[in-house]
Amino acid sequence: MHDTPALGGGQLGPDLTNIYERLKGRKSLSAWLMRLGTETMLPIFKDRLMAANEINALAAYFEASAGESPAEPAVNRVAFLLMGLAGAAALVFGFDAIWKRRFQSVRRPLVDTTPVRGHR
């Protein structure tokens, strides 16, 4: 979809890029959503079909996004990589700040009170 810039869509579900245009309008899109058109959707919705208002909301969303160009997958991958690197760096610095003085309360008294061999 055009409005998922950072993480993109994914590979598990059906490709919804320009679905409104591919199915030629709201009527056939609503019919496709009602009959659980893919293997991925079947286990999720077999016990609970989508309500009419949910189908209408999805059809309206796809209609409103008709003609929009989808987000670039290469840009999505770079953004995802950069977000991952920034998150990893934040975790490393965060743990460093939290654990910086973890040994001082245990080690310092041991070092200060333990006599060194050969010295009195």
C-alpha atoms as a PDB file:
ATOM      1  CA  MET A   1       0.000   0.000   0.000  1.00  0.00           C
ATOM      2  CA  HIS A   2       1.078   3.568  -0.547  1.00  0.00           C
ATOM      3  CA  ASP A   3       0.922   4.518   3.126  1.00  0.00           C
ATOM      4  CA  THR A   4       3.222   1.851   4.602  1.00  0.00           C
ATOM      5  CA  PRO A   5       6.567   3.513   3.920  1.00  0.00           C
ATOM      6  CA  ALA A   6       8.872   2.177   6.617  1.00  0.00           C
ATOM      7  CA  LEU A   7       8.147  -1.515   6.945  1.00  0.00           C
ATOM      8  CA  GLY A   8       6.296  -2.248   3.747  1.00  0.00           C
ATOM      9  CA  GLY A   9       3.690  -4.928   3.347  1.00  0.00           C
ATOM     10  CA  GLY A  10       5.080  -8.409   3.635  1.00  0.00           C
ATOM     11  CA  GLN A  11       5.007 -11.700   1.794  1.00  0.00           C
ATOM     12  CA  LEU A  12       2.488 -13.816   3.732  1.00  0.00           C
ATOM     13  CA  GLY A  13      -0.869 -12.464   2.599  1.00  0.00           C
ATOM     14  CA  PRO A  14      -2.248 -11.623  -0.818  1.00  0.00           C
ATOM     15  CA  ASP A  15      -0.780  -8.715  -2.760  1.00  0.00           C
ATOM     16  CA  LEU A  16      -3.154  -5.801  -2.212  1.00  0.00           C
ATOM     17  CA  THR A  17      -1.274  -3.390  -4.456  1.00  0.00           C
ATOM     18  CA  ASN A  18      -3.871  -1.692  -6.664  1.00  0.00           C
ATOM     19  CA  ILE A  19      -6.476  -4.297  -5.649  1.00  0.00           C
ATOM     20  CA  TYR A  20      -9.333  -1.888  -6.358  1.00  0.00           C
ATOM     21  CA  GLU A  21      -8.211  -1.451  -9.960  1.00  0.00           C
ATOM     22  CA  ARG A  22      -7.372  -5.127 -10.476  1.00  0.00           C
ATOM     23  CA  LEU A  23     -10.822  -6.264  -9.328  1.00  0.00           C
ATOM     24  CA  LYS A  24     -12.456  -3.427 -11.285  1.00  0.00           C
ATOM     25  CA  GLY A  25     -14.358  -1.639  -8.573  1.00  0.00           C
ATOM     26  CA  ARG A  26     -16.128  -1.815  -5.254  1.00  0.00           C
ATOM     27  CA  LYS A  27     -18.686  -4.485  -6.142  1.00  0.00           C
ATOM     28  CA  SER A  28     -16.214  -7.205  -7.123  1.00  0.00           C
ATOM     29  CA  LEU A  29     -13.816  -6.182  -4.325  1.00  0.00           C
ATOM     30  CA  SER A  30     -16.604  -6.587  -1.762  1.00  0.00           C
ATOM     31  CA  ALA A  31     -17.521  -9.979  -3.237  1.00  0.00           C
ATOM     32  CA  TRP A  32     -13.866 -11.083  -3.043  1.00  0.00           C
ATOM     33  CA  LEU A  33     -13.663 -10.023   0.609  1.00  0.00           C
ATOM     34  CA  MET A  34     -16.917 -11.837   1.439  1.00  0.00           C
ATOM     35  CA  ARG A  35     -15.869 -15.197   0.023  1.00  0.00           C
ATOM     36  CA  LEU A  36     -12.414 -15.398   1.634  1.00  0.00           C
ATOM     37  CA  GLY A  37     -10.476 -15.355  -1.586  1.00  0.00           C
ATOM     38  CA  THR A  38      -7.106 -16.702  -0.417  1.00  0.00           C
ATOM     39  CA  GLU A  39      -5.625 -19.598   1.533  1.00  0.00           C
ATOM     40  CA  THR A  40      -4.096 -17.165   4.012  1.00  0.00           C
ATOM     41  CA  MET A  41      -7.450 -15.600   4.853  1.00  0.00           C
ATOM     42  CA  LEU A  42      -9.367 -18.867   5.203  1.00  0.00           C
ATOM     43  CA  PRO A  43      -8.019 -20.086   8.589  1.00  0.00           C
ATOM     44  CA  ILE A  44      -8.378 -16.622  10.079  1.00  0.00           C
ATOM     45  CA  PHE A  45     -11.929 -15.876   8.972  1.00  0.00           C
ATOM     46  CA  LYS A  46     -13.533 -19.329   8.578  1.00  0.00           C
ATOM     47  CA  ASP A  47     -15.197 -19.185  12.004  1.00  0.00           C
ATOM     48  CA  ARG A  48     -15.936 -15.481  11.879  1.00  0.00           C
ATOM     49  CA  LEU A  49     -16.743 -13.912   8.546  1.00  0.00           C
ATOM     50  CA  MET A  50     -16.188 -10.208   8.108  1.00  0.00           C
ATOM     51  CA  ALA A  51     -19.198  -8.051   8.843  1.00  0.00           C
ATOM     52  CA  ALA A  52     -20.709  -5.833   6.149  1.00  0.00           C
ATOM     53  CA  ASN A  53     -19.391  -2.669   7.815  1.00  0.00           C
ATOM     54  CA  GLU A  54     -15.850  -4.136   7.886  1.00  0.00           C
ATOM     55  CA  ILE A  55     -16.059  -5.004   4.189  1.00  0.00           C
ATOM     56  CA  ASN A  56     -17.413  -1.530   3.384  1.00  0.00           C
ATOM     57  CA  ALA A  57     -14.607   0.102   5.366  1.00  0.00           C
ATOM     58  CA  LEU A  58     -11.946  -1.944   3.549  1.00  0.00           C
ATOM     59  CA  ALA A  59     -13.540  -1.275   0.165  1.00  0.00           C
ATOM     60  CA  ALA A  60     -13.643   2.461   0.946  1.00  0.00           C
ATOM     61  CA  TYR A  61      -9.981   2.401   1.986  1.00  0.00           C
ATOM     62  CA  PHE A  62      -8.911   0.586  -1.176  1.00  0.00           C
ATOM     63  CA  GLU A  63     -11.050   2.931  -3.283  1.00  0.00           C
ATOM     64  CA  ALA A  64      -9.503   5.993  -1.644  1.00  0.00           C
ATOM     65  CA  SER A  65      -6.011   4.654  -2.241  1.00  0.00           C
ATOM     66  CA  ALA A  66      -6.715   3.786  -5.897  1.00  0.00           C
ATOM     67  CA  GLY A  67      -4.174   5.319  -8.207  1.00  0.00           C
ATOM     68  CA  GLU A  68      -1.606   5.908  -5.478  1.00  0.00           C
ATOM     69  CA  SER A  69       1.791   4.473  -6.226  1.00  0.00           C
ATOM     70  CA  PRO A  70       2.955   1.843  -3.751  1.00  0.00           C
ATOM     71  CA  ALA A  71       5.928   2.492  -1.511  1.00  0.00           C
ATOM     72  CA  GLU A  72       9.290   1.527  -2.962  1.00  0.00           C
ATOM     73  CA  PRO A  73      10.449  -1.855  -1.587  1.00  0.00           C
ATOM     74  CA  ALA A  74      14.153  -0.923  -1.714  1.00  0.00           C
ATOM     75  CA  VAL A  75      13.503   2.187   0.359  1.00  0.00           C
ATOM     76  CA  ASN A  76      11.469   0.070   2.781  1.00  0.00           C
ATOM     77  CA  ARG A  77      14.338  -2.368   3.265  1.00  0.00           C
ATOM     78  CA  VAL A  78      16.855   0.405   3.883  1.00  0.00           C
ATOM     79  CA  ALA A  79      14.512   2.130   6.349  1.00  0.00           C
ATOM     80  CA  PHE A  80      13.922  -1.187   8.144  1.00  0.00           C
ATOM     81  CA  LEU A  81      17.675  -1.833   8.343  1.00  0.00           C
ATOM     82  CA  LEU A  82      18.355   1.654   9.691  1.00  0.00           C
ATOM     83  CA  MET A  83      15.569   1.339  12.280  1.00  0.00           C
ATOM     84  CA  GLY A  84      17.014  -2.012  13.374  1.00  0.00           C
ATOM     85  CA  LEU A  85      20.523  -0.599  13.699  1.00  0.00           C
ATOM     86  CA  ALA A  86      19.276   2.416  15.645  1.00  0.00           C
ATOM     87  CA  GLY A  87      17.263   0.157  17.950  1.00  0.00           C
ATOM     88  CA  ALA A  88      20.242  -2.132  18.541  1.00  0.00           C
ATOM     89  CA  ALA A  89      22.507   0.831  19.304  1.00  0.00           C
ATOM     90  CA  ALA A  90      19.916   2.251  21.717  1.00  0.00           C
ATOM     91  CA  LEU A  91      19.713  -1.109  23.501  1.00  0.00           C
ATOM     92  CA  VAL A  92      23.490  -1.413  23.805  1.00  0.00           C
ATOM     93  CA  PHE A  93      23.885   2.103  25.206  1.00  0.00           C
ATOM     94  CA  GLY A  94      20.861   1.631  27.455  1.00  0.00           C
ATOM     95  CA  PHE A  95      22.196  -1.592  28.961  1.00  0.00           C
ATOM     96  CA  ASP A  96      25.623  -0.002  29.341  1.00  0.00           C
ATOM     97  CA  ALA A  97      24.090   2.867  31.305  1.00  0.00           C
ATOM     98  CA  ILE A  98      22.058   0.510  33.493  1.00  0.00           C
ATOM     99  CA  TRP A  99      24.841  -2.013  34.181  1.00  0.00           C
ATOM    100  CA  LYS A 100      27.761   0.398  34.394  1.00  0.00           C
ATOM    101  CA  ARG A 101      28.122   0.117  38.173  1.00  0.00           C
ATOM    102  CA  ARG A 102      26.794  -3.403  38.704  1.00  0.00           C
ATOM    103  CA  PHE A 103      30.035  -4.828  40.176  1.00  0.00           C
ATOM    104  CA  GLN A 104      30.930  -1.909  42.433  1.00  0.00           C
ATOM    105  CA  SER A 105      28.701  -2.956  45.307  1.00  0.00           C
ATOM    106  CA  VAL A 106      30.060  -6.533  45.344  1.00  0.00           C
ATOM    107  CA  ARG A 107      33.594  -6.281  43.987  1.00  0.00           C
ATOM    108  CA  ARG A 108      34.867  -3.143  45.675  1.00  0.00           C
ATOM    109  CA  PRO A 109      34.435  -4.435  49.267  1.00  0.00           C
ATOM    110  CA  LEU A 110      36.088  -7.734  48.306  1.00  0.00           C
ATOM    111  CA  VAL A 111      39.062  -6.015  46.716  1.00  0.00           C
ATOM    112  CA  ASP A 112      39.452  -3.557  49.590  1.00  0.00           C
ATOM    113  CA  THR A 113      39.317  -6.182  52.385  1.00  0.00           C
ATOM    114  CA  THR A 114      41.028  -9.211  50.868  1.00  0.00           C
ATOM    115  CA  PRO A 115      44.709  -9.323  51.773  1.00  0.00           C
ATOM    116  CA  VAL A 116      47.116  -9.918  48.936  1.00  0.00           C
ATOM    117  CA  ARG A 117      49.288 -13.048  49.371  1.00  0.00           C
ATOM    118  CA  GLY A 118      52.763 -12.346  50.426  1.00  0.00           C
ATOM    119  CA  HIS A 119      51.899  -8.952  51.912  1.00  0.00           C
ATOM    120  CA  ARG A 120      50.902  -8.208  55.448  1.00  0.00           C
END
